[in-house]
Amino acid sequence: MARPDIWHRRFYVHPIQRKYLYLSLVPLIICSLAIIVLTFLPMQLLLSGRATELDKAMAASCLSTLGGRLWPALFVSMLLAAILSVLASHALGGPLYRLETIGKRLAAGEFTTPIRVREGDDLQGMAAVLDQAMGILRDALARIREQEGVARARLGALQGELAKGQVPPVTLSGHLQEIEAQLEGIEETLRPFRI
C-alpha cells in the first residue's frame, strides 16, 4: 500500500476533519451574508435610488472604505478559521485514524500488536482501555487454543486406541473425563464473555 502524501499524513488524516472544517466556516459565511444584506445592500440601494449627488458620493465613499477594510478581514478570518479547524481536528482525527486501523486489525484477527497512540493525543484513555480489553481477549484466546490442543491430543490418542481394537471401559472413561476437563476449562475461559 502506497504511503499517503504529506497532506494526508500531517494534516488531513480522518474524514471527521471535513465536518469540523464546515462547522467552523458556516458561521463565518452566514455572518458575511448578514453583513452584505444589512450593510452593503442598503448603501447600494441608496446609490441606485433617488438620492442627491452628495448622498451618493458619501455612500460610495462609505462603501469603498468599508469594503476595503471589511472584506480582507472576513477572508483572512475564514482562512484562519479553516486552518485552525484542520489543526484542532487533527488532534482528534489522528487518534481516530489510528484506532480505526487497530479496529481493522482486530477484525482481521490480529491480537498481537498492542495499541499505541502518540503522546499527547486526545484519545489516550480510550486507547489504554482498548489495549486492556485486547490483552484480556488475547490471553483468553491463548488459553482456549492451548486447552483445545490438549483436548485434540487426548481425543486423537483415544481414537488411536479405539482403532486398535477393544478399549477397556475404565481407559475409555478416563480419556473422556480428561477431554471433558479440557472442555470445562474452555467454558471457564469463555464465561466472562457475553457471546
N, C-alpha and C. Protein backbone atom coordinates (compact mmCIF):
# COMPACT_ATOMS: atom_id res chain seq x y z
N MET A 1 0.84 -1.17 0.00
CA MET A 1 0.00 0.00 0.00
C MET A 1 0.89 1.24 0.00
N ALA A 2 0.60 2.19 -0.89
CA ALA A 2 1.40 3.40 -1.01
C ALA A 2 1.20 4.30 0.21
N ARG A 3 2.27 4.95 0.56
CA ARG A 3 2.21 5.86 1.71
C ARG A 3 1.47 7.13 1.29
N PRO A 4 0.53 7.62 2.11
CA PRO A 4 -0.21 8.83 1.75
C PRO A 4 0.71 10.05 1.67
N ASP A 5 0.30 11.04 0.88
CA ASP A 5 1.10 12.25 0.76
C ASP A 5 1.15 13.00 2.09
N ILE A 6 2.00 14.02 2.13
CA ILE A 6 2.23 14.73 3.40
C ILE A 6 0.97 15.40 3.92
N TRP A 7 0.09 15.85 3.04
CA TRP A 7 -1.16 16.49 3.46
C TRP A 7 -2.00 15.51 4.27
N HIS A 8 -2.10 14.25 3.79
CA HIS A 8 -2.91 13.24 4.48
C HIS A 8 -2.20 12.64 5.68
N ARG A 9 -0.88 12.74 5.75
CA ARG A 9 -0.16 12.22 6.90
C ARG A 9 -0.07 13.24 8.03
N ARG A 10 0.08 14.51 7.68
CA ARG A 10 0.35 15.52 8.70
C ARG A 10 -0.87 16.34 9.10
N PHE A 11 -1.82 16.53 8.18
CA PHE A 11 -2.91 17.46 8.48
C PHE A 11 -4.29 16.81 8.36
N TYR A 12 -4.62 16.32 7.18
CA TYR A 12 -5.95 15.78 6.93
C TYR A 12 -5.88 14.26 7.04
N VAL A 13 -6.07 13.74 8.25
CA VAL A 13 -5.85 12.32 8.49
C VAL A 13 -7.14 11.51 8.64
N HIS A 14 -8.26 12.18 8.83
CA HIS A 14 -9.52 11.46 9.04
C HIS A 14 -10.67 12.29 8.48
N PRO A 15 -11.66 11.65 7.85
CA PRO A 15 -12.79 12.39 7.26
C PRO A 15 -13.58 13.24 8.26
N ILE A 16 -13.47 12.96 9.54
CA ILE A 16 -14.20 13.77 10.53
C ILE A 16 -13.72 15.22 10.51
N GLN A 17 -12.49 15.43 10.04
CA GLN A 17 -11.96 16.79 9.99
C GLN A 17 -12.77 17.67 9.03
N ARG A 18 -13.27 17.08 7.95
CA ARG A 18 -14.08 17.85 7.00
C ARG A 18 -15.32 18.40 7.68
N LYS A 19 -15.93 17.61 8.55
CA LYS A 19 -17.12 18.05 9.27
C LYS A 19 -16.81 19.28 10.13
N TYR A 20 -15.70 19.24 10.85
CA TYR A 20 -15.36 20.37 11.71
C TYR A 20 -14.91 21.58 10.90
N LEU A 21 -14.33 21.35 9.74
CA LEU A 21 -13.99 22.46 8.86
C LEU A 21 -15.26 23.18 8.42
N TYR A 22 -16.25 22.41 8.00
CA TYR A 22 -17.52 23.01 7.59
C TYR A 22 -18.20 23.72 8.76
N LEU A 23 -18.18 23.08 9.92
CA LEU A 23 -18.82 23.69 11.09
C LEU A 23 -18.16 25.01 11.51
N SER A 24 -16.88 25.16 11.24
CA SER A 24 -16.22 26.42 11.59
C SER A 24 -16.41 27.48 10.52
N LEU A 25 -16.59 27.06 9.26
CA LEU A 25 -16.74 28.05 8.19
C LEU A 25 -18.18 28.52 8.01
N VAL A 26 -19.15 27.68 8.29
CA VAL A 26 -20.55 28.05 8.07
C VAL A 26 -20.95 29.30 8.86
N PRO A 27 -20.61 29.44 10.14
CA PRO A 27 -20.98 30.68 10.84
C PRO A 27 -20.33 31.92 10.22
N LEU A 28 -19.10 31.78 9.75
CA LEU A 28 -18.45 32.94 9.12
C LEU A 28 -19.12 33.30 7.80
N ILE A 29 -19.54 32.30 7.04
CA ILE A 29 -20.23 32.57 5.78
C ILE A 29 -21.59 33.22 6.05
N ILE A 30 -22.29 32.73 7.05
CA ILE A 30 -23.58 33.33 7.42
C ILE A 30 -23.38 34.78 7.89
N CYS A 31 -22.32 35.01 8.65
CA CYS A 31 -22.01 36.36 9.11
C CYS A 31 -21.70 37.27 7.91
N SER A 32 -20.97 36.76 6.94
CA SER A 32 -20.67 37.54 5.73
C SER A 32 -21.94 37.88 4.97
N LEU A 33 -22.83 36.92 4.84
CA LEU A 33 -24.09 37.18 4.15
C LEU A 33 -24.93 38.21 4.91
N ALA A 34 -24.92 38.13 6.23
CA ALA A 34 -25.65 39.11 7.03
C ALA A 34 -25.07 40.51 6.85
N ILE A 35 -23.75 40.61 6.78
CA ILE A 35 -23.12 41.91 6.55
C ILE A 35 -23.50 42.46 5.18
N ILE A 36 -23.52 41.59 4.19
CA ILE A 36 -23.92 42.03 2.85
C ILE A 36 -25.35 42.56 2.87
N VAL A 37 -26.24 41.79 3.48
CA VAL A 37 -27.66 42.16 3.48
C VAL A 37 -27.91 43.39 4.34
N LEU A 38 -27.29 43.46 5.50
CA LEU A 38 -27.60 44.54 6.44
C LEU A 38 -26.78 45.81 6.24
N THR A 39 -25.62 45.71 5.60
CA THR A 39 -24.77 46.89 5.47
C THR A 39 -24.63 47.34 4.02
N PHE A 40 -24.17 46.46 3.18
CA PHE A 40 -23.87 46.86 1.81
C PHE A 40 -25.11 47.03 0.95
N LEU A 41 -26.10 46.19 1.13
CA LEU A 41 -27.31 46.28 0.30
C LEU A 41 -28.05 47.61 0.49
N PRO A 42 -28.27 48.09 1.73
CA PRO A 42 -28.92 49.40 1.87
C PRO A 42 -28.12 50.54 1.23
N MET A 43 -26.80 50.48 1.36
CA MET A 43 -25.99 51.53 0.74
C MET A 43 -26.04 51.45 -0.78
N GLN A 44 -26.04 50.24 -1.30
CA GLN A 44 -26.13 50.05 -2.75
C GLN A 44 -27.48 50.54 -3.26
N LEU A 45 -28.55 50.28 -2.49
CA LEU A 45 -29.87 50.78 -2.88
C LEU A 45 -29.91 52.31 -2.84
N LEU A 46 -29.20 52.89 -1.89
CA LEU A 46 -29.11 54.35 -1.81
C LEU A 46 -28.42 54.91 -3.04
N LEU A 47 -27.39 54.21 -3.50
CA LEU A 47 -26.66 54.66 -4.69
C LEU A 47 -27.53 54.58 -5.95
N SER A 48 -28.35 53.57 -6.05
CA SER A 48 -29.17 53.40 -7.25
C SER A 48 -30.52 54.11 -7.15
N GLY A 49 -30.84 54.65 -5.98
CA GLY A 49 -32.14 55.29 -5.77
C GLY A 49 -32.10 56.78 -6.10
N ARG A 50 -33.09 57.48 -5.58
CA ARG A 50 -33.23 58.91 -5.84
C ARG A 50 -32.57 59.72 -4.73
N ALA A 51 -31.33 59.64 -4.63
CA ALA A 51 -30.60 60.43 -3.63
C ALA A 51 -29.86 61.56 -4.34
N THR A 52 -29.50 62.55 -3.56
CA THR A 52 -28.74 63.66 -4.13
C THR A 52 -27.34 63.18 -4.48
N GLU A 53 -26.67 63.95 -5.30
CA GLU A 53 -25.31 63.57 -5.70
C GLU A 53 -24.38 63.54 -4.50
N LEU A 54 -24.59 64.41 -3.55
CA LEU A 54 -23.77 64.43 -2.34
C LEU A 54 -23.98 63.15 -1.52
N ASP A 55 -25.25 62.73 -1.37
CA ASP A 55 -25.55 61.49 -0.64
C ASP A 55 -24.95 60.28 -1.36
N LYS A 56 -25.05 60.31 -2.70
CA LYS A 56 -24.50 59.19 -3.48
C LYS A 56 -22.97 59.14 -3.34
N ALA A 57 -22.34 60.28 -3.37
CA ALA A 57 -20.88 60.32 -3.23
C ALA A 57 -20.47 59.85 -1.85
N MET A 58 -21.22 60.27 -0.83
CA MET A 58 -20.91 59.86 0.53
C MET A 58 -21.13 58.34 0.70
N ALA A 59 -22.22 57.81 0.15
CA ALA A 59 -22.49 56.37 0.23
C ALA A 59 -21.43 55.58 -0.52
N ALA A 60 -21.02 56.06 -1.69
CA ALA A 60 -19.97 55.38 -2.46
C ALA A 60 -18.66 55.37 -1.70
N SER A 61 -18.34 56.49 -1.06
CA SER A 61 -17.11 56.57 -0.27
C SER A 61 -17.17 55.60 0.92
N CYS A 62 -18.32 55.55 1.58
CA CYS A 62 -18.50 54.62 2.71
C CYS A 62 -18.40 53.17 2.25
N LEU A 63 -19.04 52.87 1.12
CA LEU A 63 -18.98 51.50 0.58
C LEU A 63 -17.54 51.12 0.26
N SER A 64 -16.83 52.03 -0.36
CA SER A 64 -15.45 51.75 -0.74
C SER A 64 -14.57 51.55 0.49
N THR A 65 -14.70 52.43 1.46
CA THR A 65 -13.90 52.32 2.69
C THR A 65 -14.25 51.07 3.48
N LEU A 66 -15.54 50.84 3.65
CA LEU A 66 -16.00 49.68 4.41
C LEU A 66 -15.60 48.38 3.72
N GLY A 67 -15.81 48.34 2.40
CA GLY A 67 -15.44 47.14 1.65
C GLY A 67 -13.96 46.88 1.67
N GLY A 68 -13.17 47.95 1.57
CA GLY A 68 -11.71 47.79 1.58
C GLY A 68 -11.17 47.29 2.90
N ARG A 69 -11.88 47.56 3.96
CA ARG A 69 -11.42 47.11 5.28
C ARG A 69 -12.10 45.81 5.73
N LEU A 70 -13.36 45.67 5.39
CA LEU A 70 -14.13 44.53 5.91
C LEU A 70 -13.86 43.23 5.15
N TRP A 71 -13.85 43.29 3.81
CA TRP A 71 -13.70 42.04 3.05
C TRP A 71 -12.37 41.35 3.31
N PRO A 72 -11.24 42.06 3.30
CA PRO A 72 -10.00 41.35 3.62
C PRO A 72 -10.03 40.72 5.02
N ALA A 73 -10.61 41.45 5.98
CA ALA A 73 -10.70 40.90 7.34
C ALA A 73 -11.56 39.64 7.37
N LEU A 74 -12.68 39.65 6.63
CA LEU A 74 -13.54 38.46 6.58
C LEU A 74 -12.83 37.29 5.92
N PHE A 75 -12.15 37.54 4.81
CA PHE A 75 -11.46 36.45 4.13
C PHE A 75 -10.30 35.90 4.95
N VAL A 76 -9.57 36.78 5.61
CA VAL A 76 -8.47 36.32 6.48
C VAL A 76 -9.04 35.52 7.66
N SER A 77 -10.15 35.98 8.23
CA SER A 77 -10.74 35.23 9.35
C SER A 77 -11.26 33.88 8.89
N MET A 78 -11.82 33.79 7.68
CA MET A 78 -12.26 32.49 7.15
C MET A 78 -11.07 31.57 6.94
N LEU A 79 -9.99 32.10 6.39
CA LEU A 79 -8.79 31.30 6.17
C LEU A 79 -8.21 30.82 7.50
N LEU A 80 -8.12 31.72 8.47
CA LEU A 80 -7.62 31.32 9.79
C LEU A 80 -8.53 30.30 10.46
N ALA A 81 -9.84 30.48 10.32
CA ALA A 81 -10.78 29.51 10.91
C ALA A 81 -10.60 28.14 10.26
N ALA A 82 -10.40 28.12 8.95
CA ALA A 82 -10.19 26.84 8.26
C ALA A 82 -8.90 26.17 8.73
N ILE A 83 -7.83 26.95 8.82
CA ILE A 83 -6.54 26.39 9.26
C ILE A 83 -6.63 25.90 10.70
N LEU A 84 -7.20 26.71 11.58
CA LEU A 84 -7.33 26.30 12.98
C LEU A 84 -8.24 25.09 13.12
N SER A 85 -9.27 25.01 12.31
CA SER A 85 -10.17 23.86 12.36
C SER A 85 -9.43 22.58 11.97
N VAL A 86 -8.64 22.65 10.90
CA VAL A 86 -7.89 21.46 10.48
C VAL A 86 -6.88 21.07 11.55
N LEU A 87 -6.17 22.06 12.10
CA LEU A 87 -5.17 21.74 13.13
C LEU A 87 -5.82 21.21 14.41
N ALA A 88 -6.93 21.83 14.82
CA ALA A 88 -7.60 21.37 16.05
C ALA A 88 -8.22 20.00 15.86
N SER A 89 -8.82 19.77 14.70
CA SER A 89 -9.45 18.47 14.48
C SER A 89 -8.41 17.39 14.22
N HIS A 90 -7.18 17.79 13.89
CA HIS A 90 -6.11 16.81 13.71
C HIS A 90 -5.82 16.10 15.03
N ALA A 91 -5.96 16.83 16.14
CA ALA A 91 -5.75 16.22 17.46
C ALA A 91 -6.76 15.11 17.72
N LEU A 92 -7.92 15.19 17.11
CA LEU A 92 -8.93 14.15 17.24
C LEU A 92 -8.87 13.17 16.07
N GLY A 93 -8.63 13.69 14.88
CA GLY A 93 -8.62 12.85 13.68
C GLY A 93 -7.48 11.85 13.66
N GLY A 94 -6.30 12.26 14.14
CA GLY A 94 -5.15 11.35 14.16
C GLY A 94 -5.41 10.12 15.01
N PRO A 95 -5.80 10.30 16.28
CA PRO A 95 -6.10 9.13 17.10
C PRO A 95 -7.26 8.31 16.56
N LEU A 96 -8.27 8.97 15.99
CA LEU A 96 -9.38 8.21 15.40
C LEU A 96 -8.89 7.35 14.25
N TYR A 97 -8.00 7.89 13.43
CA TYR A 97 -7.45 7.11 12.33
C TYR A 97 -6.68 5.90 12.86
N ARG A 98 -5.85 6.12 13.90
CA ARG A 98 -5.09 5.00 14.46
C ARG A 98 -6.01 3.97 15.10
N LEU A 99 -7.05 4.42 15.82
CA LEU A 99 -7.99 3.48 16.42
C LEU A 99 -8.78 2.72 15.35
N GLU A 100 -9.06 3.39 14.24
CA GLU A 100 -9.76 2.73 13.14
C GLU A 100 -8.89 1.62 12.54
N THR A 101 -7.60 1.89 12.35
CA THR A 101 -6.71 0.85 11.82
C THR A 101 -6.56 -0.29 12.82
N ILE A 102 -6.55 0.03 14.11
CA ILE A 102 -6.49 -1.01 15.14
C ILE A 102 -7.75 -1.87 15.09
N GLY A 103 -8.91 -1.23 14.94
CA GLY A 103 -10.17 -1.97 14.81
C GLY A 103 -10.16 -2.90 13.61
N LYS A 104 -9.59 -2.44 12.51
CA LYS A 104 -9.49 -3.30 11.31
C LYS A 104 -8.58 -4.49 11.58
N ARG A 105 -7.46 -4.24 12.31
CA ARG A 105 -6.57 -5.36 12.64
C ARG A 105 -7.27 -6.36 13.55
N LEU A 106 -8.05 -5.86 14.51
CA LEU A 106 -8.79 -6.76 15.40
C LEU A 106 -9.81 -7.57 14.62
N ALA A 107 -10.50 -6.91 13.68
CA ALA A 107 -11.49 -7.62 12.87
C ALA A 107 -10.82 -8.69 12.01
N ALA A 108 -9.57 -8.47 11.65
CA ALA A 108 -8.83 -9.46 10.87
C ALA A 108 -8.24 -10.56 11.76
N GLY A 109 -8.42 -10.44 13.08
CA GLY A 109 -7.95 -11.48 13.99
C GLY A 109 -6.55 -11.26 14.52
N GLU A 110 -5.97 -10.09 14.32
CA GLU A 110 -4.62 -9.81 14.80
C GLU A 110 -4.69 -9.20 16.20
N PHE A 111 -4.33 -10.00 17.19
CA PHE A 111 -4.40 -9.55 18.58
C PHE A 111 -3.02 -9.36 19.20
N THR A 112 -1.97 -9.48 18.40
CA THR A 112 -0.62 -9.48 18.96
C THR A 112 -0.05 -8.08 19.15
N THR A 113 -0.43 -7.14 18.32
CA THR A 113 0.15 -5.80 18.38
C THR A 113 -0.58 -4.95 19.41
N PRO A 114 0.13 -4.38 20.37
CA PRO A 114 -0.55 -3.51 21.34
C PRO A 114 -0.99 -2.20 20.69
N ILE A 115 -1.97 -1.57 21.30
CA ILE A 115 -2.49 -0.31 20.79
C ILE A 115 -1.58 0.81 21.27
N ARG A 116 -1.10 1.60 20.33
CA ARG A 116 -0.22 2.72 20.65
C ARG A 116 -0.76 3.98 19.99
N VAL A 117 -0.90 5.03 20.77
CA VAL A 117 -1.18 6.35 20.22
C VAL A 117 -0.08 7.28 20.69
N ARG A 118 0.08 8.37 19.97
CA ARG A 118 1.17 9.29 20.29
C ARG A 118 0.93 9.98 21.63
N GLU A 119 2.02 10.37 22.24
CA GLU A 119 1.96 11.13 23.50
C GLU A 119 1.24 12.44 23.24
N GLY A 120 0.26 12.75 24.06
CA GLY A 120 -0.48 13.99 23.91
C GLY A 120 -1.74 13.87 23.07
N ASP A 121 -1.99 12.72 22.44
CA ASP A 121 -3.22 12.55 21.67
C ASP A 121 -4.42 12.60 22.60
N ASP A 122 -5.53 13.08 22.08
CA ASP A 122 -6.73 13.27 22.90
C ASP A 122 -7.38 11.97 23.33
N LEU A 123 -7.15 10.90 22.62
CA LEU A 123 -7.85 9.64 22.91
C LEU A 123 -6.95 8.61 23.58
N GLN A 124 -5.98 9.06 24.36
CA GLN A 124 -5.08 8.13 25.03
C GLN A 124 -5.81 7.24 26.02
N GLY A 125 -6.77 7.79 26.75
CA GLY A 125 -7.53 6.99 27.71
C GLY A 125 -8.30 5.88 27.02
N MET A 126 -8.92 6.20 25.89
CA MET A 126 -9.67 5.18 25.14
C MET A 126 -8.72 4.11 24.60
N ALA A 127 -7.55 4.53 24.14
CA ALA A 127 -6.58 3.57 23.63
C ALA A 127 -6.11 2.63 24.75
N ALA A 128 -5.92 3.16 25.95
CA ALA A 128 -5.49 2.32 27.07
C ALA A 128 -6.57 1.30 27.43
N VAL A 129 -7.83 1.72 27.42
CA VAL A 129 -8.92 0.79 27.73
C VAL A 129 -9.02 -0.29 26.64
N LEU A 130 -8.90 0.11 25.38
CA LEU A 130 -8.95 -0.87 24.29
C LEU A 130 -7.77 -1.83 24.36
N ASP A 131 -6.60 -1.31 24.72
CA ASP A 131 -5.42 -2.17 24.86
C ASP A 131 -5.62 -3.19 25.98
N GLN A 132 -6.22 -2.75 27.08
CA GLN A 132 -6.51 -3.66 28.19
C GLN A 132 -7.51 -4.74 27.75
N ALA A 133 -8.57 -4.33 27.05
CA ALA A 133 -9.56 -5.30 26.57
C ALA A 133 -8.93 -6.27 25.58
N MET A 134 -8.07 -5.75 24.72
CA MET A 134 -7.42 -6.61 23.75
C MET A 134 -6.48 -7.60 24.44
N GLY A 135 -5.83 -7.18 25.52
CA GLY A 135 -4.96 -8.08 26.27
C GLY A 135 -5.76 -9.21 26.91
N ILE A 136 -6.93 -8.89 27.45
CA ILE A 136 -7.79 -9.92 28.05
C ILE A 136 -8.24 -10.91 26.98
N LEU A 137 -8.64 -10.39 25.82
CA LEU A 137 -9.04 -11.28 24.72
C LEU A 137 -7.88 -12.14 24.25
N ARG A 138 -6.70 -11.53 24.13
CA ARG A 138 -5.52 -12.26 23.68
C ARG A 138 -5.20 -13.40 24.64
N ASP A 139 -5.24 -13.13 25.96
CA ASP A 139 -4.96 -14.17 26.95
C ASP A 139 -6.01 -15.27 26.91
N ALA A 140 -7.28 -14.88 26.79
CA ALA A 140 -8.36 -15.88 26.74
C ALA A 140 -8.22 -16.76 25.51
N LEU A 141 -7.93 -16.15 24.37
CA LEU A 141 -7.77 -16.94 23.15
C LEU A 141 -6.56 -17.87 23.23
N ALA A 142 -5.49 -17.42 23.87
CA ALA A 142 -4.31 -18.28 24.04
C ALA A 142 -4.64 -19.48 24.93
N ARG A 143 -5.38 -19.23 26.03
CA ARG A 143 -5.77 -20.35 26.91
C ARG A 143 -6.69 -21.32 26.17
N ILE A 144 -7.63 -20.79 25.42
CA ILE A 144 -8.56 -21.66 24.67
C ILE A 144 -7.78 -22.48 23.65
N ARG A 145 -6.85 -21.84 22.95
CA ARG A 145 -6.07 -22.57 21.95
C ARG A 145 -5.24 -23.68 22.61
N GLU A 146 -4.67 -23.38 23.77
CA GLU A 146 -3.87 -24.38 24.49
C GLU A 146 -4.75 -25.55 24.94
N GLN A 147 -5.92 -25.23 25.53
CA GLN A 147 -6.82 -26.29 26.01
C GLN A 147 -7.38 -27.09 24.84
N GLU A 148 -7.63 -26.43 23.73
CA GLU A 148 -8.14 -27.13 22.55
C GLU A 148 -7.07 -28.09 22.02
N GLY A 149 -5.80 -27.67 22.06
CA GLY A 149 -4.71 -28.54 21.60
C GLY A 149 -4.59 -29.78 22.47
N VAL A 150 -4.69 -29.60 23.79
CA VAL A 150 -4.62 -30.74 24.71
C VAL A 150 -5.81 -31.67 24.48
N ALA A 151 -7.00 -31.11 24.32
CA ALA A 151 -8.20 -31.93 24.10
C ALA A 151 -8.08 -32.70 22.79
N ARG A 152 -7.55 -32.05 21.75
CA ARG A 152 -7.38 -32.76 20.46
C ARG A 152 -6.38 -33.90 20.59
N ALA A 153 -5.29 -33.66 21.34
CA ALA A 153 -4.29 -34.71 21.52
C ALA A 153 -4.90 -35.90 22.25
N ARG A 154 -5.67 -35.63 23.29
CA ARG A 154 -6.29 -36.72 24.04
C ARG A 154 -7.33 -37.44 23.19
N LEU A 155 -8.08 -36.68 22.42
CA LEU A 155 -9.07 -37.29 21.54
C LEU A 155 -8.38 -38.14 20.47
N GLY A 156 -7.26 -37.65 19.95
CA GLY A 156 -6.50 -38.43 18.96
C GLY A 156 -5.98 -39.73 19.56
N ALA A 157 -5.48 -39.65 20.80
CA ALA A 157 -4.99 -40.86 21.47
C ALA A 157 -6.12 -41.85 21.68
N LEU A 158 -7.28 -41.34 22.07
CA LEU A 158 -8.44 -42.21 22.28
C LEU A 158 -8.87 -42.85 20.97
N GLN A 159 -8.90 -42.07 19.89
CA GLN A 159 -9.28 -42.62 18.60
C GLN A 159 -8.28 -43.68 18.14
N GLY A 160 -6.99 -43.46 18.45
CA GLY A 160 -5.97 -44.45 18.11
C GLY A 160 -6.19 -45.75 18.86
N GLU A 161 -6.51 -45.65 20.14
CA GLU A 161 -6.77 -46.86 20.93
C GLU A 161 -8.03 -47.56 20.45
N LEU A 162 -9.04 -46.80 20.08
CA LEU A 162 -10.28 -47.41 19.58
C LEU A 162 -10.03 -48.11 18.25
N ALA A 163 -9.16 -47.55 17.42
CA ALA A 163 -8.87 -48.17 16.12
C ALA A 163 -8.10 -49.47 16.28
N LYS A 164 -7.32 -49.60 17.36
CA LYS A 164 -6.54 -50.81 17.59
C LYS A 164 -7.42 -51.98 18.02
N GLY A 165 -8.53 -51.66 18.56
CA GLY A 165 -9.38 -52.77 19.00
C GLY A 165 -10.16 -52.41 20.24
N GLN A 166 -10.34 -53.38 21.04
CA GLN A 166 -11.15 -53.25 22.24
C GLN A 166 -10.45 -52.36 23.26
N VAL A 167 -11.18 -51.36 23.74
CA VAL A 167 -10.66 -50.47 24.77
C VAL A 167 -11.43 -50.76 26.05
N PRO A 168 -10.71 -51.00 27.14
CA PRO A 168 -11.41 -51.26 28.40
C PRO A 168 -12.23 -50.03 28.80
N PRO A 169 -13.40 -50.24 29.38
CA PRO A 169 -14.26 -49.12 29.78
C PRO A 169 -13.56 -48.14 30.73
N VAL A 170 -12.70 -48.63 31.57
CA VAL A 170 -12.01 -47.75 32.52
C VAL A 170 -11.11 -46.77 31.75
N THR A 171 -10.38 -47.27 30.77
CA THR A 171 -9.50 -46.42 29.96
C THR A 171 -10.32 -45.41 29.17
N LEU A 172 -11.40 -45.90 28.56
CA LEU A 172 -12.28 -45.02 27.79
C LEU A 172 -12.87 -43.94 28.69
N SER A 173 -13.31 -44.32 29.86
CA SER A 173 -13.89 -43.36 30.80
C SER A 173 -12.85 -42.33 31.23
N GLY A 174 -11.62 -42.77 31.47
CA GLY A 174 -10.55 -41.85 31.88
C GLY A 174 -10.24 -40.82 30.80
N HIS A 175 -10.14 -41.30 29.54
CA HIS A 175 -9.88 -40.38 28.43
C HIS A 175 -11.02 -39.39 28.25
N LEU A 176 -12.24 -39.86 28.36
CA LEU A 176 -13.41 -38.97 28.20
C LEU A 176 -13.46 -37.93 29.32
N GLN A 177 -13.07 -38.32 30.54
CA GLN A 177 -13.04 -37.36 31.64
C GLN A 177 -11.97 -36.29 31.42
N GLU A 178 -10.82 -36.70 30.86
CA GLU A 178 -9.77 -35.73 30.56
C GLU A 178 -10.24 -34.73 29.51
N ILE A 179 -10.89 -35.24 28.47
CA ILE A 179 -11.42 -34.36 27.42
C ILE A 179 -12.50 -33.45 27.99
N GLU A 180 -13.35 -34.00 28.85
CA GLU A 180 -14.39 -33.19 29.47
C GLU A 180 -13.78 -32.08 30.33
N ALA A 181 -12.67 -32.40 31.03
CA ALA A 181 -11.99 -31.38 31.84
C ALA A 181 -11.45 -30.26 30.95
N GLN A 182 -10.92 -30.60 29.80
CA GLN A 182 -10.43 -29.58 28.87
C GLN A 182 -11.58 -28.71 28.37
N LEU A 183 -12.70 -29.33 28.04
CA LEU A 183 -13.87 -28.57 27.57
C LEU A 183 -14.41 -27.66 28.67
N GLU A 184 -14.38 -28.14 29.92
CA GLU A 184 -14.80 -27.29 31.04
C GLU A 184 -13.84 -26.11 31.21
N GLY A 185 -12.55 -26.36 30.97
CA GLY A 185 -11.57 -25.27 31.03
C GLY A 185 -11.85 -24.21 29.97
N ILE A 186 -12.21 -24.66 28.77
CA ILE A 186 -12.57 -23.72 27.70
C ILE A 186 -13.83 -22.95 28.10
N GLU A 187 -14.79 -23.65 28.65
CA GLU A 187 -16.04 -23.00 29.08
C GLU A 187 -15.75 -21.97 30.17
N GLU A 188 -14.86 -22.31 31.10
CA GLU A 188 -14.49 -21.38 32.17
C GLU A 188 -13.80 -20.13 31.60
N THR A 189 -12.96 -20.33 30.60
CA THR A 189 -12.28 -19.20 29.96
C THR A 189 -13.28 -18.29 29.26
N LEU A 190 -14.30 -18.87 28.66
CA LEU A 190 -15.30 -18.09 27.92
C LEU A 190 -16.38 -17.48 28.82
N ARG A 191 -16.45 -17.89 30.08
CA ARG A 191 -17.52 -17.43 30.97
C ARG A 191 -17.63 -15.90 31.08
N PRO A 192 -16.52 -15.14 31.20
CA PRO A 192 -16.68 -13.68 31.34
C PRO A 192 -17.21 -12.99 30.08
N PHE A 193 -17.15 -13.67 28.95
CA PHE A 193 -17.55 -13.05 27.68
C PHE A 193 -19.00 -13.34 27.38
N ARG A 194 -19.72 -12.30 26.99
CA ARG A 194 -21.13 -12.47 26.59
C ARG A 194 -21.15 -12.61 25.08
N ILE A 195 -21.32 -13.82 24.65
CA ILE A 195 -21.29 -14.09 23.20
C ILE A 195 -22.66 -14.55 22.75
